[in-house]
Amino acid sequence: MKLGDLALPTIEWETRMADGDDLFTKENIRAANKVLDSFMKNLTQDSGLTEKEIKKYVKQVTLKLNKLNEKYDYFIETLEREELCEYIMEAAGIAGLEFDGDITEEWREW
């Protein structure tokens, strides 16, 4: 699998919002997409990223999502956390980071 093949977790969020889930708004989904797009751009900018660089980008995306979650009234709940963690960890793994466990846990507040 390639980084570009990963489906954004926000696609599911849009579906849930359309089905009446009021956790989500167009604004918080758009903001999350912007953060995740930036993360993906960082991972794909250079094919020779070191593990240290990948981990730095994981930290950045996690901290940005912390801020978004607070700004948009804590819309990242259990299911969203699992979807985001899976996305971030899968992307980091494809980019070349080897790890065990949840690599976002160290910085994650959601």
PDB file of N, CA and C in Angstrom:
ATOM      1  N   MET A   1       0.843  -1.187   0.000  1.00  0.00           N
ATOM      2  CA  MET A   1       0.000   0.000   0.000  1.00  0.00           C
ATOM      3  C   MET A   1       0.882   1.243   0.000  1.00  0.00           C
ATOM      4  N   LYS A   2       0.392   2.288  -0.662  1.00  0.00           N
ATOM      5  CA  LYS A   2       1.090   3.561  -0.708  1.00  0.00           C
ATOM      6  C   LYS A   2       0.358   4.576   0.161  1.00  0.00           C
ATOM      7  N   LEU A   3       1.077   5.614   0.545  1.00  0.00           N
ATOM      8  CA  LEU A   3       0.476   6.653   1.392  1.00  0.00           C
ATOM      9  C   LEU A   3      -0.779   7.248   0.756  1.00  0.00           C
ATOM     10  N   GLY A   4      -0.730   7.466  -0.544  1.00  0.00           N
ATOM     11  CA  GLY A   4      -1.864   8.063  -1.237  1.00  0.00           C
ATOM     12  C   GLY A   4      -3.106   7.181  -1.264  1.00  0.00           C
ATOM     13  N   ASP A   5      -2.942   5.900  -0.930  1.00  0.00           N
ATOM     14  CA  ASP A   5      -4.078   4.963  -0.945  1.00  0.00           C
ATOM     15  C   ASP A   5      -4.877   4.978   0.359  1.00  0.00           C
ATOM     16  N   LEU A   6      -4.345   5.611   1.392  1.00  0.00           N
ATOM     17  CA  LEU A   6      -5.037   5.626   2.680  1.00  0.00           C
ATOM     18  C   LEU A   6      -6.286   6.515   2.617  1.00  0.00           C
ATOM     19  N   ALA A   7      -7.379   5.988   3.105  1.00  0.00           N
ATOM     20  CA  ALA A   7      -8.620   6.766   3.152  1.00  0.00           C
ATOM     21  C   ALA A   7      -8.649   7.612   4.420  1.00  0.00           C
ATOM     22  N   LEU A   8      -8.962   8.870   4.260  1.00  0.00           N
ATOM     23  CA  LEU A   8      -9.065   9.763   5.412  1.00  0.00           C
ATOM     24  C   LEU A   8     -10.190   9.306   6.338  1.00  0.00           C
ATOM     25  N   PRO A   9      -9.957   9.317   7.639  1.00  0.00           N
ATOM     26  CA  PRO A   9     -11.019   8.948   8.573  1.00  0.00           C
ATOM     27  C   PRO A   9     -12.212   9.906   8.496  1.00  0.00           C
ATOM     28  N   THR A  10     -11.965  11.111   8.029  1.00  0.00           N
ATOM     29  CA  THR A  10     -13.031  12.108   7.966  1.00  0.00           C
ATOM     30  C   THR A  10     -14.105  11.761   6.935  1.00  0.00           C
ATOM     31  N   ILE A  11     -13.801  10.854   6.024  1.00  0.00           N
ATOM     32  CA  ILE A  11     -14.824  10.400   5.067  1.00  0.00           C
ATOM     33  C   ILE A  11     -15.957   9.729   5.834  1.00  0.00           C
ATOM     34  N   GLU A  12     -15.579   8.886   6.813  1.00  0.00           N
ATOM     35  CA  GLU A  12     -16.585   8.243   7.667  1.00  0.00           C
ATOM     36  C   GLU A  12     -17.324   9.274   8.518  1.00  0.00           C
ATOM     37  N   TRP A  13     -16.610  10.289   8.967  1.00  0.00           N
ATOM     38  CA  TRP A  13     -17.227  11.324   9.795  1.00  0.00           C
ATOM     39  C   TRP A  13     -18.312  12.059   9.012  1.00  0.00           C
ATOM     40  N   GLU A  14     -18.017  12.346   7.735  1.00  0.00           N
ATOM     41  CA  GLU A  14     -19.005  13.028   6.893  1.00  0.00           C
ATOM     42  C   GLU A  14     -20.260  12.177   6.753  1.00  0.00           C
ATOM     43  N   THR A  15     -20.079  10.874   6.603  1.00  0.00           N
ATOM     44  CA  THR A  15     -21.223   9.961   6.499  1.00  0.00           C
ATOM     45  C   THR A  15     -22.030   9.989   7.793  1.00  0.00           C
ATOM     46  N   ARG A  16     -21.336   9.919   8.918  1.00  0.00           N
ATOM     47  CA  ARG A  16     -22.035   9.931  10.204  1.00  0.00           C
ATOM     48  C   ARG A  16     -22.752  11.266  10.434  1.00  0.00           C
ATOM     49  N   MET A  17     -22.113  12.367  10.001  1.00  0.00           N
ATOM     50  CA  MET A  17     -22.744  13.680  10.131  1.00  0.00           C
ATOM     51  C   MET A  17     -24.022  13.711   9.286  1.00  0.00           C
ATOM     52  N   ALA A  18     -23.963  13.183   8.068  1.00  0.00           N
ATOM     53  CA  ALA A  18     -25.135  13.145   7.190  1.00  0.00           C
ATOM     54  C   ALA A  18     -26.246  12.282   7.794  1.00  0.00           C
ATOM     55  N   ASP A  19     -25.849  11.286   8.592  1.00  0.00           N
ATOM     56  CA  ASP A  19     -26.820  10.409   9.251  1.00  0.00           C
ATOM     57  C   ASP A  19     -27.331  10.994  10.565  1.00  0.00           C
ATOM     58  N   GLY A  20     -26.905  12.231  10.890  1.00  0.00           N
ATOM     59  CA  GLY A  20     -27.447  12.907  12.058  1.00  0.00           C
ATOM     60  C   GLY A  20     -26.536  12.977  13.268  1.00  0.00           C
ATOM     61  N   ASP A  21     -25.298  12.505  13.147  1.00  0.00           N
ATOM     62  CA  ASP A  21     -24.370  12.579  14.276  1.00  0.00           C
ATOM     63  C   ASP A  21     -23.965  14.040  14.478  1.00  0.00           C
ATOM     64  N   ASP A  22     -24.340  14.618  15.614  1.00  0.00           N
ATOM     65  CA  ASP A  22     -24.073  16.040  15.828  1.00  0.00           C
ATOM     66  C   ASP A  22     -22.709  16.338  16.449  1.00  0.00           C
ATOM     67  N   LEU A  23     -21.855  15.330  16.533  1.00  0.00           N
ATOM     68  CA  LEU A  23     -20.465  15.578  16.948  1.00  0.00           C
ATOM     69  C   LEU A  23     -19.743  16.406  15.892  1.00  0.00           C
ATOM     70  N   PHE A  24     -20.184  16.225  14.662  1.00  0.00           N
ATOM     71  CA  PHE A  24     -19.443  16.786  13.534  1.00  0.00           C
ATOM     72  C   PHE A  24     -20.136  18.007  12.939  1.00  0.00           C
ATOM     73  N   THR A  25     -19.285  18.910  12.451  1.00  0.00           N
ATOM     74  CA  THR A  25     -19.749  20.054  11.668  1.00  0.00           C
ATOM     75  C   THR A  25     -18.858  20.123  10.435  1.00  0.00           C
ATOM     76  N   LYS A  26     -19.315  20.860   9.453  1.00  0.00           N
ATOM     77  CA  LYS A  26     -18.464  21.036   8.268  1.00  0.00           C
ATOM     78  C   LYS A  26     -17.139  21.666   8.673  1.00  0.00           C
ATOM     79  N   GLU A  27     -17.202  22.564   9.664  1.00  0.00           N
ATOM     80  CA  GLU A  27     -15.984  23.270  10.099  1.00  0.00           C
ATOM     81  C   GLU A  27     -14.976  22.330  10.758  1.00  0.00           C
ATOM     82  N   ASN A  28     -15.436  21.481  11.693  1.00  0.00           N
ATOM     83  CA  ASN A  28     -14.455  20.628  12.366  1.00  0.00           C
ATOM     84  C   ASN A  28     -13.924  19.542  11.429  1.00  0.00           C
ATOM     85  N   ILE A  29     -14.739  19.087  10.496  1.00  0.00           N
ATOM     86  CA  ILE A  29     -14.245  18.108   9.516  1.00  0.00           C
ATOM     87  C   ILE A  29     -13.242  18.775   8.571  1.00  0.00           C
ATOM     88  N   ARG A  30     -13.547  19.972   8.120  1.00  0.00           N
ATOM     89  CA  ARG A  30     -12.632  20.696   7.229  1.00  0.00           C
ATOM     90  C   ARG A  30     -11.305  20.961   7.944  1.00  0.00           C
ATOM     91  N   ALA A  31     -11.366  21.363   9.198  1.00  0.00           N
ATOM     92  CA  ALA A  31     -10.149  21.633   9.973  1.00  0.00           C
ATOM     93  C   ALA A  31      -9.333  20.355  10.160  1.00  0.00           C
ATOM     94  N   ALA A  32      -9.999  19.243  10.446  1.00  0.00           N
ATOM     95  CA  ALA A  32      -9.292  17.968  10.598  1.00  0.00           C
ATOM     96  C   ALA A  32      -8.660  17.546   9.279  1.00  0.00           C
ATOM     97  N   ASN A  33      -9.371  17.727   8.174  1.00  0.00           N
ATOM     98  CA  ASN A  33      -8.809  17.393   6.859  1.00  0.00           C
ATOM     99  C   ASN A  33      -7.548  18.197   6.577  1.00  0.00           C
ATOM    100  N   LYS A  34      -7.579  19.462   6.929  1.00  0.00           N
ATOM    101  CA  LYS A  34      -6.423  20.332   6.701  1.00  0.00           C
ATOM    102  C   LYS A  34      -5.200  19.816   7.476  1.00  0.00           C
ATOM    103  N   VAL A  35      -5.410  19.434   8.733  1.00  0.00           N
ATOM    104  CA  VAL A  35      -4.325  18.911   9.571  1.00  0.00           C
ATOM    105  C   VAL A  35      -3.806  17.581   9.002  1.00  0.00           C
ATOM    106  N   LEU A  36      -4.714  16.699   8.618  1.00  0.00           N
ATOM    107  CA  LEU A  36      -4.301  15.392   8.094  1.00  0.00           C
ATOM    108  C   LEU A  36      -3.633  15.526   6.728  1.00  0.00           C
ATOM    109  N   ASP A  37      -4.102  16.462   5.898  1.00  0.00           N
ATOM    110  CA  ASP A  37      -3.464  16.701   4.604  1.00  0.00           C
ATOM    111  C   ASP A  37      -2.035  17.204   4.789  1.00  0.00           C
ATOM    112  N   SER A  38      -1.838  18.080   5.757  1.00  0.00           N
ATOM    113  CA  SER A  38      -0.507  18.602   6.052  1.00  0.00           C
ATOM    114  C   SER A  38       0.421  17.472   6.511  1.00  0.00           C
ATOM    115  N   PHE A  39      -0.088  16.598   7.349  1.00  0.00           N
ATOM    116  CA  PHE A  39       0.668  15.429   7.816  1.00  0.00           C
ATOM    117  C   PHE A  39       1.087  14.564   6.623  1.00  0.00           C
ATOM    118  N   MET A  40       0.148  14.299   5.736  1.00  0.00           N
ATOM    119  CA  MET A  40       0.437  13.454   4.575  1.00  0.00           C
ATOM    120  C   MET A  40       1.450  14.136   3.653  1.00  0.00           C
ATOM    121  N   LYS A  41       1.313  15.435   3.483  1.00  0.00           N
ATOM    122  CA  LYS A  41       2.250  16.178   2.641  1.00  0.00           C
ATOM    123  C   LYS A  41       3.663  16.087   3.223  1.00  0.00           C
ATOM    124  N   ASN A  42       3.771  16.195   4.543  1.00  0.00           N
ATOM    125  CA  ASN A  42       5.075  16.065   5.198  1.00  0.00           C
ATOM    126  C   ASN A  42       5.682  14.689   4.958  1.00  0.00           C
ATOM    127  N   LEU A  43       4.856  13.658   5.025  1.00  0.00           N
ATOM    128  CA  LEU A  43       5.366  12.292   4.856  1.00  0.00           C
ATOM    129  C   LEU A  43       5.751  11.984   3.415  1.00  0.00           C
ATOM    130  N   THR A  44       5.146  12.667   2.466  1.00  0.00           N
ATOM    131  CA  THR A  44       5.406  12.360   1.058  1.00  0.00           C
ATOM    132  C   THR A  44       6.373  13.341   0.402  1.00  0.00           C
ATOM    133  N   GLN A  45       6.811  14.352   1.123  1.00  0.00           N
ATOM    134  CA  GLN A  45       7.686  15.368   0.531  1.00  0.00           C
ATOM    135  C   GLN A  45       9.062  14.816   0.169  1.00  0.00           C
ATOM    136  N   ASP A  46       9.473  13.777   0.853  1.00  0.00           N
ATOM    137  CA  ASP A  46      10.826  13.254   0.687  1.00  0.00           C
ATOM    138  C   ASP A  46      10.771  11.750   0.920  1.00  0.00           C
ATOM    139  N   SER A  47      11.223  10.995  -0.059  1.00  0.00           N
ATOM    140  CA  SER A  47      11.130   9.541   0.062  1.00  0.00           C
ATOM    141  C   SER A  47      12.141   8.967   1.041  1.00  0.00           C
ATOM    142  N   GLY A  48      13.102   9.764   1.469  1.00  0.00           N
ATOM    143  CA  GLY A  48      14.127   9.252   2.361  1.00  0.00           C
ATOM    144  C   GLY A  48      14.023   9.768   3.785  1.00  0.00           C
ATOM    145  N   LEU A  49      12.826   9.845   4.324  1.00  0.00           N
ATOM    146  CA  LEU A  49      12.645  10.347   5.685  1.00  0.00           C
ATOM    147  C   LEU A  49      13.266   9.389   6.703  1.00  0.00           C
ATOM    148  N   THR A  50      13.862   9.963   7.719  1.00  0.00           N
ATOM    149  CA  THR A  50      14.388   9.143   8.806  1.00  0.00           C
ATOM    150  C   THR A  50      13.254   8.836   9.784  1.00  0.00           C
ATOM    151  N   GLU A  51      13.482   7.853  10.642  1.00  0.00           N
ATOM    152  CA  GLU A  51      12.473   7.537  11.654  1.00  0.00           C
ATOM    153  C   GLU A  51      12.240   8.741  12.567  1.00  0.00           C
ATOM    154  N   LYS A  52      13.310   9.475  12.869  1.00  0.00           N
ATOM    155  CA  LYS A  52      13.190  10.658  13.723  1.00  0.00           C
ATOM    156  C   LYS A  52      12.285  11.708  13.066  1.00  0.00           C
ATOM    157  N   GLU A  53      12.433  11.898  11.754  1.00  0.00           N
ATOM    158  CA  GLU A  53      11.594  12.874  11.048  1.00  0.00           C
ATOM    159  C   GLU A  53      10.131  12.427  11.025  1.00  0.00           C
ATOM    160  N   ILE A  54       9.908  11.150  10.772  1.00  0.00           N
ATOM    161  CA  ILE A  54       8.533  10.636  10.746  1.00  0.00           C
ATOM    162  C   ILE A  54       7.891  10.812  12.114  1.00  0.00           C
ATOM    163  N   LYS A  55       8.635  10.487  13.165  1.00  0.00           N
ATOM    164  CA  LYS A  55       8.105  10.633  14.520  1.00  0.00           C
ATOM    165  C   LYS A  55       7.792  12.101  14.825  1.00  0.00           C
ATOM    166  N   LYS A  56       8.602  13.014  14.318  1.00  0.00           N
ATOM    167  CA  LYS A  56       8.346  14.445  14.494  1.00  0.00           C
ATOM    168  C   LYS A  56       7.011  14.822  13.847  1.00  0.00           C
ATOM    169  N   TYR A  57       6.731  14.278  12.668  1.00  0.00           N
ATOM    170  CA  TYR A  57       5.466  14.577  11.987  1.00  0.00           C
ATOM    171  C   TYR A  57       4.279  13.948  12.704  1.00  0.00           C
ATOM    172  N   VAL A  58       4.476  12.780  13.291  1.00  0.00           N
ATOM    173  CA  VAL A  58       3.418  12.147  14.093  1.00  0.00           C
ATOM    174  C   VAL A  58       3.107  13.037  15.297  1.00  0.00           C
ATOM    175  N   LYS A  59       4.149  13.528  15.945  1.00  0.00           N
ATOM    176  CA  LYS A  59       3.953  14.421  17.091  1.00  0.00           C
ATOM    177  C   LYS A  59       3.210  15.685  16.665  1.00  0.00           C
ATOM    178  N   GLN A  60       3.616  16.276  15.536  1.00  0.00           N
ATOM    179  CA  GLN A  60       2.978  17.501  15.050  1.00  0.00           C
ATOM    180  C   GLN A  60       1.489  17.290  14.797  1.00  0.00           C
ATOM    181  N   VAL A  61       1.146  16.222  14.078  1.00  0.00           N
ATOM    182  CA  VAL A  61      -0.265  15.999  13.736  1.00  0.00           C
ATOM    183  C   VAL A  61      -1.069  15.718  14.999  1.00  0.00           C
ATOM    184  N   THR A  62      -0.502  15.009  15.938  1.00  0.00           N
ATOM    185  CA  THR A  62      -1.204  14.689  17.185  1.00  0.00           C
ATOM    186  C   THR A  62      -1.467  15.960  17.989  1.00  0.00           C
ATOM    187  N   LEU A  63      -0.455  16.823  18.103  1.00  0.00           N
ATOM    188  CA  LEU A  63      -0.628  18.075  18.852  1.00  0.00           C
ATOM    189  C   LEU A  63      -1.641  19.004  18.175  1.00  0.00           C
ATOM    190  N   LYS A  64      -1.621  19.043  16.839  1.00  0.00           N
ATOM    191  CA  LYS A  64      -2.595  19.869  16.116  1.00  0.00           C
ATOM    192  C   LYS A  64      -4.015  19.343  16.326  1.00  0.00           C
ATOM    193  N   LEU A  65      -4.153  18.022  16.334  1.00  0.00           N
ATOM    194  CA  LEU A  65      -5.470  17.435  16.581  1.00  0.00           C
ATOM    195  C   LEU A  65      -5.928  17.696  18.020  1.00  0.00           C
ATOM    196  N   ASN A  66      -4.993  17.744  18.967  1.00  0.00           N
ATOM    197  CA  ASN A  66      -5.337  18.119  20.347  1.00  0.00           C
ATOM    198  C   ASN A  66      -5.998  19.501  20.355  1.00  0.00           C
ATOM    199  N   LYS A  67      -5.379  20.447  19.652  1.00  0.00           N
ATOM    200  CA  LYS A  67      -5.892  21.821  19.618  1.00  0.00           C
ATOM    201  C   LYS A  67      -7.261  21.882  18.946  1.00  0.00           C
ATOM    202  N   LEU A  68      -7.402  21.152  17.838  1.00  0.00           N
ATOM    203  CA  LEU A  68      -8.693  21.133  17.143  1.00  0.00           C
ATOM    204  C   LEU A  68      -9.785  20.556  18.024  1.00  0.00           C
ATOM    205  N   ASN A  69      -9.465  19.479  18.704  1.00  0.00           N
ATOM    206  CA  ASN A  69     -10.450  18.827  19.550  1.00  0.00           C
ATOM    207  C   ASN A  69     -10.950  19.786  20.627  1.00  0.00           C
ATOM    208  N   GLU A  70     -10.033  20.549  21.201  1.00  0.00           N
ATOM    209  CA  GLU A  70     -10.414  21.528  22.218  1.00  0.00           C
ATOM    210  C   GLU A  70     -11.216  22.670  21.589  1.00  0.00           C
ATOM    211  N   LYS A  71     -10.752  23.169  20.452  1.00  0.00           N
ATOM    212  CA  LYS A  71     -11.415  24.294  19.781  1.00  0.00           C
ATOM    213  C   LYS A  71     -12.853  23.953  19.380  1.00  0.00           C
ATOM    214  N   TYR A  72     -13.055  22.727  18.913  1.00  0.00           N
ATOM    215  CA  TYR A  72     -14.376  22.326  18.421  1.00  0.00           C
ATOM    216  C   TYR A  72     -15.135  21.466  19.434  1.00  0.00           C
ATOM    217  N   ASP A  73     -14.984  21.775  20.705  1.00  0.00           N
ATOM    218  CA  ASP A  73     -15.798  21.206  21.765  1.00  0.00           C
ATOM    219  C   ASP A  73     -15.678  19.688  21.893  1.00  0.00           C
ATOM    220  N   TYR A  74     -14.469  19.195  21.775  1.00  0.00           N
ATOM    221  CA  TYR A  74     -14.162  17.781  22.063  1.00  0.00           C
ATOM    222  C   TYR A  74     -14.997  16.809  21.228  1.00  0.00           C
ATOM    223  N   PHE A  75     -14.822  16.930  19.903  1.00  0.00           N
ATOM    224  CA  PHE A  75     -15.566  16.082  18.977  1.00  0.00           C
ATOM    225  C   PHE A  75     -14.867  14.748  18.693  1.00  0.00           C
ATOM    226  N   ILE A  76     -13.648  14.585  19.175  1.00  0.00           N
ATOM    227  CA  ILE A  76     -12.937  13.324  18.966  1.00  0.00           C
ATOM    228  C   ILE A  76     -13.230  12.426  20.161  1.00  0.00           C
ATOM    229  N   GLU A  77     -14.104  11.469  19.928  1.00  0.00           N
ATOM    230  CA  GLU A  77     -14.464  10.523  20.973  1.00  0.00           C
ATOM    231  C   GLU A  77     -13.807   9.175  20.663  1.00  0.00           C
ATOM    232  N   THR A  78     -14.240   8.117  21.300  1.00  0.00           N
ATOM    233  CA  THR A  78     -13.560   6.821  21.193  1.00  0.00           C
ATOM    234  C   THR A  78     -13.409   6.338  19.752  1.00  0.00           C
ATOM    235  N   LEU A  79     -14.490   6.312  19.013  1.00  0.00           N
ATOM    236  CA  LEU A  79     -14.435   5.813  17.635  1.00  0.00           C
ATOM    237  C   LEU A  79     -13.522   6.681  16.770  1.00  0.00           C
ATOM    238  N   GLU A  80     -13.636   7.984  16.911  1.00  0.00           N
ATOM    239  CA  GLU A  80     -12.807   8.905  16.127  1.00  0.00           C
ATOM    240  C   GLU A  80     -11.335   8.756  16.504  1.00  0.00           C
ATOM    241  N   ARG A  81     -11.074   8.581  17.787  1.00  0.00           N
ATOM    242  CA  ARG A  81      -9.697   8.374  18.239  1.00  0.00           C
ATOM    243  C   ARG A  81      -9.120   7.132  17.580  1.00  0.00           C
ATOM    244  N   GLU A  82      -9.881   6.052  17.595  1.00  0.00           N
ATOM    245  CA  GLU A  82      -9.401   4.812  16.986  1.00  0.00           C
ATOM    246  C   GLU A  82      -9.138   4.992  15.496  1.00  0.00           C
ATOM    247  N   GLU A  83     -10.034   5.696  14.809  1.00  0.00           N
ATOM    248  CA  GLU A  83      -9.871   5.926  13.367  1.00  0.00           C
ATOM    249  C   GLU A  83      -8.642   6.796  13.086  1.00  0.00           C
ATOM    250  N   LEU A  84      -8.466   7.850  13.869  1.00  0.00           N
ATOM    251  CA  LEU A  84      -7.308   8.729  13.684  1.00  0.00           C
ATOM    252  C   LEU A  84      -5.998   8.000  13.986  1.00  0.00           C
ATOM    253  N   CYS A  85      -5.965   7.267  15.079  1.00  0.00           N
ATOM    254  CA  CYS A  85      -4.749   6.536  15.438  1.00  0.00           C
ATOM    255  C   CYS A  85      -4.387   5.526  14.361  1.00  0.00           C
ATOM    256  N   GLU A  86      -5.376   4.806  13.876  1.00  0.00           N
ATOM    257  CA  GLU A  86      -5.121   3.821  12.828  1.00  0.00           C
ATOM    258  C   GLU A  86      -4.553   4.500  11.586  1.00  0.00           C
ATOM    259  N   TYR A  87      -5.140   5.617  11.187  1.00  0.00           N
ATOM    260  CA  TYR A  87      -4.685   6.365  10.016  1.00  0.00           C
ATOM    261  C   TYR A  87      -3.251   6.862  10.198  1.00  0.00           C
ATOM    262  N   ILE A  88      -2.980   7.489  11.336  1.00  0.00           N
ATOM    263  CA  ILE A  88      -1.655   8.055  11.599  1.00  0.00           C
ATOM    264  C   ILE A  88      -0.607   6.947  11.665  1.00  0.00           C
ATOM    265  N   MET A  89      -0.922   5.867  12.364  1.00  0.00           N
ATOM    266  CA  MET A  89       0.052   4.778  12.515  1.00  0.00           C
ATOM    267  C   MET A  89       0.282   4.048  11.195  1.00  0.00           C
ATOM    268  N   GLU A  90      -0.770   3.860  10.414  1.00  0.00           N
ATOM    269  CA  GLU A  90      -0.599   3.206   9.122  1.00  0.00           C
ATOM    270  C   GLU A  90       0.255   4.074   8.199  1.00  0.00           C
ATOM    271  N   ALA A  91      -0.011   5.366   8.181  1.00  0.00           N
ATOM    272  CA  ALA A  91       0.772   6.290   7.357  1.00  0.00           C
ATOM    273  C   ALA A  91       2.234   6.298   7.792  1.00  0.00           C
ATOM    274  N   ALA A  92       2.474   6.370   9.089  1.00  0.00           N
ATOM    275  CA  ALA A  92       3.852   6.381   9.600  1.00  0.00           C
ATOM    276  C   ALA A  92       4.572   5.079   9.250  1.00  0.00           C
ATOM    277  N   GLY A  93       3.854   3.967   9.341  1.00  0.00           N
ATOM    278  CA  GLY A  93       4.446   2.680   8.994  1.00  0.00           C
ATOM    279  C   GLY A  93       4.809   2.590   7.522  1.00  0.00           C
ATOM    280  N   ILE A  94       3.924   3.058   6.654  1.00  0.00           N
ATOM    281  CA  ILE A  94       4.208   3.056   5.215  1.00  0.00           C
ATOM    282  C   ILE A  94       5.399   3.955   4.917  1.00  0.00           C
ATOM    283  N   ALA A  95       5.492   5.069   5.631  1.00  0.00           N
ATOM    284  CA  ALA A  95       6.600   6.010   5.423  1.00  0.00           C
ATOM    285  C   ALA A  95       7.932   5.456   5.928  1.00  0.00           C
ATOM    286  N   GLY A  96       7.879   4.386   6.763  1.00  0.00           N
ATOM    287  CA  GLY A  96       9.120   3.755   7.191  1.00  0.00           C
ATOM    288  C   GLY A  96       9.382   3.706   8.675  1.00  0.00           C
ATOM    289  N   LEU A  97       8.432   4.135   9.484  1.00  0.00           N
ATOM    290  CA  LEU A  97       8.628   4.103  10.935  1.00  0.00           C
ATOM    291  C   LEU A  97       8.270   2.729  11.479  1.00  0.00           C
ATOM    292  N   GLU A  98       9.191   2.148  12.227  1.00  0.00           N
ATOM    293  CA  GLU A  98       8.922   0.877  12.892  1.00  0.00           C
ATOM    294  C   GLU A  98       8.598   1.176  14.350  1.00  0.00           C
ATOM    295  N   PHE A  99       7.508   0.582  14.840  1.00  0.00           N
ATOM    296  CA  PHE A  99       7.067   0.882  16.202  1.00  0.00           C
ATOM    297  C   PHE A  99       6.189  -0.239  16.716  1.00  0.00           C
ATOM    298  N   ASP A 100       6.028  -0.244  18.026  1.00  0.00           N
ATOM    299  CA  ASP A 100       5.083  -1.132  18.695  1.00  0.00           C
ATOM    300  C   ASP A 100       4.100  -0.269  19.457  1.00  0.00           C
ATOM    301  N   GLY A 101       2.839  -0.632  19.452  1.00  0.00           N
ATOM    302  CA  GLY A 101       1.856   0.099  20.232  1.00  0.00           C
ATOM    303  C   GLY A 101       1.383   1.367  19.559  1.00  0.00           C
ATOM    304  N   ASP A 102       0.805   2.241  20.347  1.00  0.00           N
ATOM    305  CA  ASP A 102       0.213   3.485  19.860  1.00  0.00           C
ATOM    306  C   ASP A 102       1.260   4.593  19.896  1.00  0.00           C
ATOM    307  N   ILE A 103       1.685   5.020  18.724  1.00  0.00           N
ATOM    308  CA  ILE A 103       2.739   6.039  18.654  1.00  0.00           C
ATOM    309  C   ILE A 103       2.225   7.447  18.929  1.00  0.00           C
ATOM    310  N   THR A 104       0.917   7.626  19.026  1.00  0.00           N
ATOM    311  CA  THR A 104       0.374   8.958  19.323  1.00  0.00           C
ATOM    312  C   THR A 104       0.171   9.182  20.819  1.00  0.00           C
ATOM    313  N   GLU A 105       0.182   8.107  21.583  1.00  0.00           N
ATOM    314  CA  GLU A 105      -0.219   8.155  22.994  1.00  0.00           C
ATOM    315  C   GLU A 105       0.592   9.145  23.824  1.00  0.00           C
ATOM    316  N   GLU A 106       1.858   9.264  23.504  1.00  0.00           N
ATOM    317  CA  GLU A 106       2.773  10.138  24.251  1.00  0.00           C
ATOM    318  C   GLU A 106       2.292  11.606  24.253  1.00  0.00           C
ATOM    319  N   TRP A 107       1.639  12.030  23.154  1.00  0.00           N
ATOM    320  CA  TRP A 107       1.232  13.425  23.019  1.00  0.00           C
ATOM    321  C   TRP A 107      -0.283  13.614  22.965  1.00  0.00           C
ATOM    322  N   ARG A 108      -1.008  12.546  22.806  1.00  0.00           N
ATOM    323  CA  ARG A 108      -2.440  12.613  22.526  1.00  0.00           C
ATOM    324  C   ARG A 108      -3.262  12.940  23.767  1.00  0.00           C
ATOM    325  N   GLU A 109      -4.190  13.901  23.596  1.00  0.00           N
ATOM    326  CA  GLU A 109      -5.119  14.269  24.663  1.00  0.00           C
ATOM    327  C   GLU A 109      -6.563  13.907  24.292  1.00  0.00           C
ATOM    328  N   TRP A 110      -6.756  13.288  23.147  1.00  0.00           N
ATOM    329  CA  TRP A 110      -8.104  12.921  22.707  1.00  0.00           C
ATOM    330  C   TRP A 110      -8.286  11.429  22.799  1.00  0.00           C
TER     331      TRP A 110
END
